[in-house]
C-alpha atoms as a PDB file:
ATOM      1  CA  UNK A   1      10.974   6.207 -58.871  1.00  0.00           C
ATOM      2  CA  UNK A   2      12.784   3.527 -60.911  1.00  0.00           C
ATOM      3  CA  UNK A   3      16.102   2.277 -59.498  1.00  0.00           C
ATOM      4  CA  UNK A   4      19.259   3.703 -61.071  1.00  0.00           C
ATOM      5  CA  UNK A   5      21.201   1.016 -62.993  1.00  0.00           C
ATOM      6  CA  UNK A   6      24.677   2.077 -64.132  1.00  0.00           C
ATOM      7  CA  UNK A   7      28.331   1.005 -64.261  1.00  0.00           C
ATOM      8  CA  UNK A   8      30.910   2.413 -61.875  1.00  0.00           C
ATOM      9  CA  UNK A   9      33.448   2.227 -64.715  1.00  0.00           C
ATOM     10  CA  UNK A  10      31.445   4.988 -66.439  1.00  0.00           C
ATOM     11  CA  UNK A  11      31.633   7.277 -63.373  1.00  0.00           C
ATOM     12  CA  UNK A  12      34.187  10.069 -63.727  1.00  0.00           C
ATOM     13  CA  UNK A  13      37.125   9.362 -61.369  1.00  0.00           C
ATOM     14  CA  UNK A  14      38.180  12.055 -58.903  1.00  0.00           C
ATOM     15  CA  UNK A  15      41.925  12.055 -58.114  1.00  0.00           C
ATOM     16  CA  UNK A  16      43.032  11.990 -54.504  1.00  0.00           C
ATOM     17  CA  UNK A  17      44.838  15.085 -53.267  1.00  0.00           C
ATOM     18  CA  UNK A  18      47.902  12.989 -52.379  1.00  0.00           C
ATOM     19  CA  UNK A  19      47.978  11.350 -55.829  1.00  0.00           C
ATOM     20  CA  UNK A  20      47.747   7.859 -54.348  1.00  0.00           C
ATOM     21  CA  UNK A  21      44.593   6.869 -56.211  1.00  0.00           C
ATOM     22  CA  UNK A  22      41.205   7.905 -57.552  1.00  0.00           C
ATOM     23  CA  UNK A  23      37.645   7.679 -56.255  1.00  0.00           C
ATOM     24  CA  UNK A  24      34.337   7.199 -58.084  1.00  0.00           C
ATOM     25  CA  UNK A  25      31.226   8.338 -56.191  1.00  0.00           C
ATOM     26  CA  UNK A  26      28.353   5.951 -56.910  1.00  0.00           C
ATOM     27  CA  UNK A  27      25.694   7.600 -54.764  1.00  0.00           C
ATOM     28  CA  UNK A  28      25.518  10.345 -52.143  1.00  0.00           C
ATOM     29  CA  UNK A  29      22.871  11.880 -49.922  1.00  0.00           C
ATOM     30  CA  UNK A  30      22.114  15.086 -51.814  1.00  0.00           C
ATOM     31  CA  UNK A  31      19.301  16.108 -49.455  1.00  0.00           C
ATOM     32  CA  UNK A  32      21.519  17.189 -46.550  1.00  0.00           C
ATOM     33  CA  UNK A  33      24.787  18.978 -45.885  1.00  0.00           C
ATOM     34  CA  UNK A  34      26.914  17.422 -44.667  1.00  0.00           C
ATOM     35  CA  UNK A  35      25.730  14.269 -46.478  1.00  0.00           C
ATOM     36  CA  UNK A  36      24.333  11.580 -44.196  1.00  0.00           C
ATOM     37  CA  UNK A  37      25.807   8.816 -46.364  1.00  0.00           C
ATOM     38  CA  UNK A  38      28.009   8.243 -49.389  1.00  0.00           C
ATOM     39  CA  UNK A  39      29.105   5.180 -51.366  1.00  0.00           C
ATOM     40  CA  UNK A  40      32.220   5.213 -53.546  1.00  0.00           C
ATOM     41  CA  UNK A  41      34.776   2.930 -55.185  1.00  0.00           C
ATOM     42  CA  UNK A  42      38.449   3.807 -54.746  1.00  0.00           C
ATOM     43  CA  UNK A  43      41.419   2.591 -56.792  1.00  0.00           C
ATOM     44  CA  UNK A  44      44.501   2.712 -54.546  1.00  0.00           C
ATOM     45  CA  UNK A  45      47.825   2.508 -56.348  1.00  0.00           C
ATOM     46  CA  UNK A  46      50.376   3.103 -53.607  1.00  0.00           C
ATOM     47  CA  UNK A  47      50.933   3.321 -49.861  1.00  0.00           C
ATOM     48  CA  UNK A  48      49.972   6.626 -48.254  1.00  0.00           C
ATOM     49  CA  UNK A  49      47.723   8.516 -45.841  1.00  0.00           C
ATOM     50  CA  UNK A  50      44.030   7.704 -45.444  1.00  0.00           C
ATOM     51  CA  UNK A  51      41.803  10.761 -45.083  1.00  0.00           C
ATOM     52  CA  UNK A  52      39.957  11.504 -41.856  1.00  0.00           C
ATOM     53  CA  UNK A  53      36.164  11.730 -41.835  1.00  0.00           C
ATOM     54  CA  UNK A  54      35.243  13.014 -38.357  1.00  0.00           C
ATOM     55  CA  UNK A  55      31.778  11.988 -37.194  1.00  0.00           C
ATOM     56  CA  UNK A  56      31.435   9.257 -39.822  1.00  0.00           C
ATOM     57  CA  UNK A  57      31.596   5.486 -39.571  1.00  0.00           C
ATOM     58  CA  UNK A  58      33.119   3.644 -42.514  1.00  0.00           C
ATOM     59  CA  UNK A  59      32.686   0.197 -44.013  1.00  0.00           C
ATOM     60  CA  UNK A  60      35.257  -0.927 -46.584  1.00  0.00           C
ATOM     61  CA  UNK A  61      35.272  -4.006 -48.845  1.00  0.00           C
ATOM     62  CA  UNK A  62      38.314  -4.903 -50.971  1.00  0.00           C
ATOM     63  CA  UNK A  63      36.829  -5.900 -54.343  1.00  0.00           C
ATOM     64  CA  UNK A  64      40.096  -6.681 -56.144  1.00  0.00           C
ATOM     65  CA  UNK A  65      43.694  -6.966 -54.981  1.00  0.00           C
ATOM     66  CA  UNK A  66      45.426  -8.478 -52.000  1.00  0.00           C
ATOM     67  CA  UNK A  67      44.180  -6.164 -49.261  1.00  0.00           C
ATOM     68  CA  UNK A  68      45.192  -3.095 -47.294  1.00  0.00           C
ATOM     69  CA  UNK A  69      46.661  -2.655 -43.838  1.00  0.00           C
ATOM     70  CA  UNK A  70      45.769   0.562 -42.012  1.00  0.00           C
ATOM     71  CA  UNK A  71      48.030   1.816 -39.227  1.00  0.00           C
ATOM     72  CA  UNK A  72      46.671   4.576 -37.011  1.00  0.00           C
ATOM     73  CA  UNK A  73      48.673   7.761 -36.703  1.00  0.00           C
ATOM     74  CA  UNK A  74      50.590   7.870 -33.424  1.00  0.00           C
ATOM     75  CA  UNK A  75      48.215  10.368 -31.814  1.00  0.00           C
ATOM     76  CA  UNK A  76      45.179   8.195 -32.667  1.00  0.00           C
ATOM     77  CA  UNK A  77      46.555   4.731 -31.938  1.00  0.00           C
ATOM     78  CA  UNK A  78      44.866   4.469 -28.545  1.00  0.00           C
ATOM     79  CA  UNK A  79      41.464   5.032 -30.168  1.00  0.00           C
ATOM     80  CA  UNK A  80      41.790   2.114 -32.592  1.00  0.00           C
ATOM     81  CA  UNK A  81      41.386  -1.556 -31.696  1.00  0.00           C
ATOM     82  CA  UNK A  82      44.127  -4.150 -32.172  1.00  0.00           C
ATOM     83  CA  UNK A  83      46.998  -1.835 -31.282  1.00  0.00           C
ATOM     84  CA  UNK A  84      46.085   0.679 -33.956  1.00  0.00           C
ATOM     85  CA  UNK A  85      46.026  -1.728 -36.925  1.00  0.00           C
ATOM     86  CA  UNK A  86      43.090  -2.590 -39.173  1.00  0.00           C
ATOM     87  CA  UNK A  87      43.295  -5.196 -41.939  1.00  0.00           C
ATOM     88  CA  UNK A  88      41.029  -4.744 -44.956  1.00  0.00           C
ATOM     89  CA  UNK A  89      40.910  -8.270 -46.368  1.00  0.00           C
ATOM     90  CA  UNK A  90      39.560  -9.237 -49.821  1.00  0.00           C
ATOM     91  CA  UNK A  91      35.825  -9.926 -49.839  1.00  0.00           C
ATOM     92  CA  UNK A  92      35.266  -8.951 -46.202  1.00  0.00           C
ATOM     93  CA  UNK A  93      33.213  -5.973 -44.986  1.00  0.00           C
ATOM     94  CA  UNK A  94      35.201  -4.129 -42.291  1.00  0.00           C
ATOM     95  CA  UNK A  95      33.733  -1.324 -40.179  1.00  0.00           C
ATOM     96  CA  UNK A  96      35.821   1.347 -38.458  1.00  0.00           C
ATOM     97  CA  UNK A  97      35.515   4.948 -37.323  1.00  0.00           C
ATOM     98  CA  UNK A  98      36.522   7.677 -39.729  1.00  0.00           C
ATOM     99  CA  UNK A  99      37.701  10.019 -36.975  1.00  0.00           C
ATOM    100  CA  UNK A 100      41.235   8.668 -36.715  1.00  0.00           C
ATOM    101  CA  UNK A 101      43.994   9.242 -39.236  1.00  0.00           C
ATOM    102  CA  UNK A 102      45.649   6.202 -40.864  1.00  0.00           C
ATOM    103  CA  UNK A 103      48.598   5.328 -43.029  1.00  0.00           C
ATOM    104  CA  UNK A 104      47.770   2.633 -45.587  1.00  0.00           C
ATOM    105  CA  UNK A 105      50.033  -0.167 -46.781  1.00  0.00           C
ATOM    106  CA  UNK A 106      49.074  -2.276 -49.791  1.00  0.00           C
ATOM    107  CA  UNK A 107      49.499  -5.988 -49.066  1.00  0.00           C
ATOM    108  CA  UNK A 108      50.110  -7.207 -52.631  1.00  0.00           C
ATOM    109  CA  UNK A 109      49.929  -4.275 -55.033  1.00  0.00           C
ATOM    110  CA  UNK A 110      47.055  -2.010 -56.151  1.00  0.00           C
ATOM    111  CA  UNK A 111      43.518  -2.592 -54.860  1.00  0.00           C
ATOM    112  CA  UNK A 112      39.972  -1.518 -55.631  1.00  0.00           C
ATOM    113  CA  UNK A 113      37.921  -0.806 -52.502  1.00  0.00           C
ATOM    114  CA  UNK A 114      34.219  -0.119 -52.033  1.00  0.00           C
ATOM    115  CA  UNK A 115      33.644   2.447 -49.270  1.00  0.00           C
ATOM    116  CA  UNK A 116      30.495   3.393 -47.352  1.00  0.00           C
ATOM    117  CA  UNK A 117      30.404   6.485 -45.138  1.00  0.00           C
ATOM    118  CA  UNK A 118      27.508   7.051 -42.699  1.00  0.00           C
ATOM    119  CA  UNK A 119      27.092  10.067 -40.396  1.00  0.00           C
ATOM    120  CA  UNK A 120      26.612   8.914 -36.806  1.00  0.00           C
ATOM    121  CA  UNK A 121      23.291   9.991 -35.340  1.00  0.00           C
ATOM    122  CA  UNK A 122      21.852  10.783 -38.770  1.00  0.00           C
ATOM    123  CA  UNK A 123      22.048   7.457 -40.655  1.00  0.00           C
ATOM    124  CA  UNK A 124      22.592   3.755 -40.079  1.00  0.00           C
ATOM    125  CA  UNK A 125      23.574   1.031 -42.522  1.00  0.00           C
ATOM    126  CA  UNK A 126      23.955  -2.712 -42.936  1.00  0.00           C
ATOM    127  CA  UNK A 127      26.474  -4.219 -45.385  1.00  0.00           C
ATOM    128  CA  UNK A 128      26.469  -7.812 -46.678  1.00  0.00           C
ATOM    129  CA  UNK A 129      29.100  -9.354 -48.975  1.00  0.00           C
ATOM    130  CA  UNK A 130      27.454 -11.927 -51.243  1.00  0.00           C
ATOM    131  CA  UNK A 131      29.928 -14.699 -51.960  1.00  0.00           C
ATOM    132  CA  UNK A 132      32.288 -13.496 -49.256  1.00  0.00           C
ATOM    133  CA  UNK A 133      31.489 -13.075 -45.564  1.00  0.00           C
ATOM    134  CA  UNK A 134      27.738 -13.597 -45.170  1.00  0.00           C
ATOM    135  CA  UNK A 135      27.315 -11.838 -41.816  1.00  0.00           C
ATOM    136  CA  UNK A 136      25.916  -8.318 -41.960  1.00  0.00           C
ATOM    137  CA  UNK A 137      28.189  -5.514 -40.762  1.00  0.00           C
ATOM    138  CA  UNK A 138      26.477  -2.539 -39.089  1.00  0.00           C
ATOM    139  CA  UNK A 139      27.657   1.066 -39.116  1.00  0.00           C
ATOM    140  CA  UNK A 140      26.411   4.463 -38.020  1.00  0.00           C
ATOM    141  CA  UNK A 141      23.495   5.053 -35.698  1.00  0.00           C
ATOM    142  CA  UNK A 142      20.303   7.058 -35.395  1.00  0.00           C
ATOM    143  CA  UNK A 143      19.600   9.666 -32.731  1.00  0.00           C
ATOM    144  CA  UNK A 144      15.829   9.359 -33.313  1.00  0.00           C
ATOM    145  CA  UNK A 145      15.419   5.808 -32.055  1.00  0.00           C
ATOM    146  CA  UNK A 146      11.991   4.400 -32.919  1.00  0.00           C
ATOM    147  CA  UNK A 147      11.182   7.094 -35.476  1.00  0.00           C
ATOM    148  CA  UNK A 148       9.796   6.211 -38.921  1.00  0.00           C
ATOM    149  CA  UNK A 149      12.579   5.181 -41.276  1.00  0.00           C
ATOM    150  CA  UNK A 150      13.252   5.698 -44.968  1.00  0.00           C
ATOM    151  CA  UNK A 151      15.314   2.864 -46.475  1.00  0.00           C
ATOM    152  CA  UNK A 152      17.347   2.639 -49.640  1.00  0.00           C
ATOM    153  CA  UNK A 153      19.373  -0.214 -51.093  1.00  0.00           C
ATOM    154  CA  UNK A 154      22.538  -0.184 -53.178  1.00  0.00           C
ATOM    155  CA  UNK A 155      23.826  -3.331 -54.861  1.00  0.00           C
ATOM    156  CA  UNK A 156      27.344  -3.234 -56.326  1.00  0.00           C
ATOM    157  CA  UNK A 157      28.281  -6.202 -58.556  1.00  0.00           C
ATOM    158  CA  UNK A 158      31.911  -7.308 -58.481  1.00  0.00           C
ATOM    159  CA  UNK A 159      31.103 -10.079 -60.962  1.00  0.00           C
ATOM    160  CA  UNK A 160      28.275 -10.858 -63.380  1.00  0.00           C
ATOM    161  CA  UNK A 161      25.001 -12.152 -62.008  1.00  0.00           C
ATOM    162  CA  UNK A 162      21.352 -11.310 -61.438  1.00  0.00           C
ATOM    163  CA  UNK A 163      19.764  -8.865 -59.024  1.00  0.00           C
ATOM    164  CA  UNK A 164      16.770 -10.476 -57.352  1.00  0.00           C
ATOM    165  CA  UNK A 165      13.878  -8.107 -56.727  1.00  0.00           C
ATOM    166  CA  UNK A 166      10.919  -8.323 -54.373  1.00  0.00           C
ATOM    167  CA  UNK A 167       8.355  -8.893 -57.134  1.00  0.00           C
ATOM    168  CA  UNK A 168       7.723 -12.562 -57.923  1.00  0.00           C
ATOM    169  CA  UNK A 169      10.132 -13.989 -60.534  1.00  0.00           C
ATOM    170  CA  UNK A 170      11.654 -10.542 -61.096  1.00  0.00           C
ATOM    171  CA  UNK A 171      15.392 -10.204 -61.666  1.00  0.00           C
ATOM    172  CA  UNK A 172      17.782  -7.904 -63.510  1.00  0.00           C
ATOM    173  CA  UNK A 173      21.034  -8.959 -65.203  1.00  0.00           C
ATOM    174  CA  UNK A 174      24.119  -7.136 -63.911  1.00  0.00           C
ATOM    175  CA  UNK A 175      27.560  -7.148 -65.475  1.00  0.00           C
ATOM    176  CA  UNK A 176      30.731  -6.939 -63.411  1.00  0.00           C
ATOM    177  CA  UNK A 177      31.068  -3.293 -62.428  1.00  0.00           C
ATOM    178  CA  UNK A 178      27.324  -2.568 -62.550  1.00  0.00           C
ATOM    179  CA  UNK A 179      25.505  -1.078 -59.600  1.00  0.00           C
ATOM    180  CA  UNK A 180      21.874  -0.382 -58.753  1.00  0.00           C
ATOM    181  CA  UNK A 181      20.569   2.346 -56.427  1.00  0.00           C
ATOM    182  CA  UNK A 182      16.985   1.828 -55.251  1.00  0.00           C
ATOM    183  CA  UNK A 183      15.990   5.005 -53.411  1.00  0.00           C
ATOM    184  CA  UNK A 184      12.397   3.773 -53.199  1.00  0.00           C
ATOM    185  CA  UNK A 185      13.506   0.967 -50.896  1.00  0.00           C
ATOM    186  CA  UNK A 186      11.222  -1.533 -52.634  1.00  0.00           C
ATOM    187  CA  UNK A 187      14.012  -4.084 -53.116  1.00  0.00           C
ATOM    188  CA  UNK A 188      14.654  -4.071 -49.352  1.00  0.00           C
ATOM    189  CA  UNK A 189      11.776  -6.551 -49.157  1.00  0.00           C
ATOM    190  CA  UNK A 190      14.186  -9.362 -50.070  1.00  0.00           C
ATOM    191  CA  UNK A 191      16.897 -10.549 -47.694  1.00  0.00           C
ATOM    192  CA  UNK A 192      20.241  -8.911 -48.510  1.00  0.00           C
ATOM    193  CA  UNK A 193      22.003 -12.310 -48.526  1.00  0.00           C
ATOM    194  CA  UNK A 194      19.765 -13.415 -51.408  1.00  0.00           C
ATOM    195  CA  UNK A 195      19.568 -10.112 -53.281  1.00  0.00           C
ATOM    196  CA  UNK A 196      22.231 -11.133 -55.831  1.00  0.00           C
ATOM    197  CA  UNK A 197      22.847 -14.457 -57.587  1.00  0.00           C
ATOM    198  CA  UNK A 198      26.323 -14.732 -59.202  1.00  0.00           C
ATOM    199  CA  UNK A 199      26.521 -16.295 -62.653  1.00  0.00           C
ATOM    200  CA  UNK A 200      29.625 -18.286 -61.672  1.00  0.00           C
ATOM    201  CA  UNK A 201      30.999 -19.546 -58.356  1.00  0.00           C
ATOM    202  CA  UNK A 202      32.846 -16.857 -56.463  1.00  0.00           C
ATOM    203  CA  UNK A 203      36.610 -17.202 -56.308  1.00  0.00           C
ATOM    204  CA  UNK A 204      38.195 -17.962 -52.948  1.00  0.00           C
ATOM    205  CA  UNK A 205      38.716 -14.779 -50.902  1.00  0.00           C
ATOM    206  CA  UNK A 206      36.489 -12.921 -53.352  1.00  0.00           C
ATOM    207  CA  UNK A 207      33.082 -11.276 -53.323  1.00  0.00           C
ATOM    208  CA  UNK A 208      30.325 -11.490 -55.945  1.00  0.00           C
ATOM    209  CA  UNK A 209      28.449  -8.358 -54.884  1.00  0.00           C
ATOM    210  CA  UNK A 210      28.041  -5.972 -51.983  1.00  0.00           C
ATOM    211  CA  UNK A 211      24.535  -5.141 -50.742  1.00  0.00           C
ATOM    212  CA  UNK A 212      24.205  -1.935 -48.709  1.00  0.00           C
ATOM    213  CA  UNK A 213      20.981  -1.022 -46.889  1.00  0.00           C
ATOM    214  CA  UNK A 214      20.930   2.554 -45.581  1.00  0.00           C
ATOM    215  CA  UNK A 215      18.362   3.925 -43.129  1.00  0.00           C
ATOM    216  CA  UNK A 216      17.599   7.588 -42.473  1.00  0.00           C
ATOM    217  CA  UNK A 217      14.680   9.222 -40.636  1.00  0.00           C
ATOM    218  CA  UNK A 218      11.642   9.595 -42.873  1.00  0.00           C
ATOM    219  CA  UNK A 219      10.708  13.207 -43.773  1.00  0.00           C
ATOM    220  CA  UNK A 220       8.091  14.684 -41.486  1.00  0.00           C
ATOM    221  CA  UNK A 221       4.561  14.807 -42.928  1.00  0.00           C
ATOM    222  CA  UNK A 222       3.453  18.251 -44.074  1.00  0.00           C
END
């Protein structure tokens, strides 16, 4: 199956129930209910509540804007590190549990945030920010340790560049806002840190692209 190549700007936005922003779903696990994973881009315009996602781990990357501070609701503060505060900084992948409720505060105006959700015990993921923090951030977990895995890769371009593929001398031009979903997992053969080459140097505190590798148990042979 050929990878999907599209622009998140062409994805129909879904308004938040509280009116504080909109979300565009780039890819979701359609094979299971509840979904084992989902990737979306949210535009957050104002301070307000952050939705709970019980049983899910989240990884968020601020693509544009000054960042977001999350403050755990009083009843959940003890469950969250750093006295119940999480800082989502520009260009940095930040992992946290979706079980707790948060109130968000925008640091310097509206932001655009890439979000990954993975269902604990059913999926695991690794997230690398190209041009930002280079260390991989892990989320989720698999109950079937050691079982055969199916892998897929999503690359979300925050700025123009080229997607490097596993085949020799193969690359694909991506504009800012483009994303690629490779459900075949073929592109996972190249290291995530080298999967995207930005056309221009990345701005300080920015990110050129986000590479997300998701693992789920492979379907049983029939």
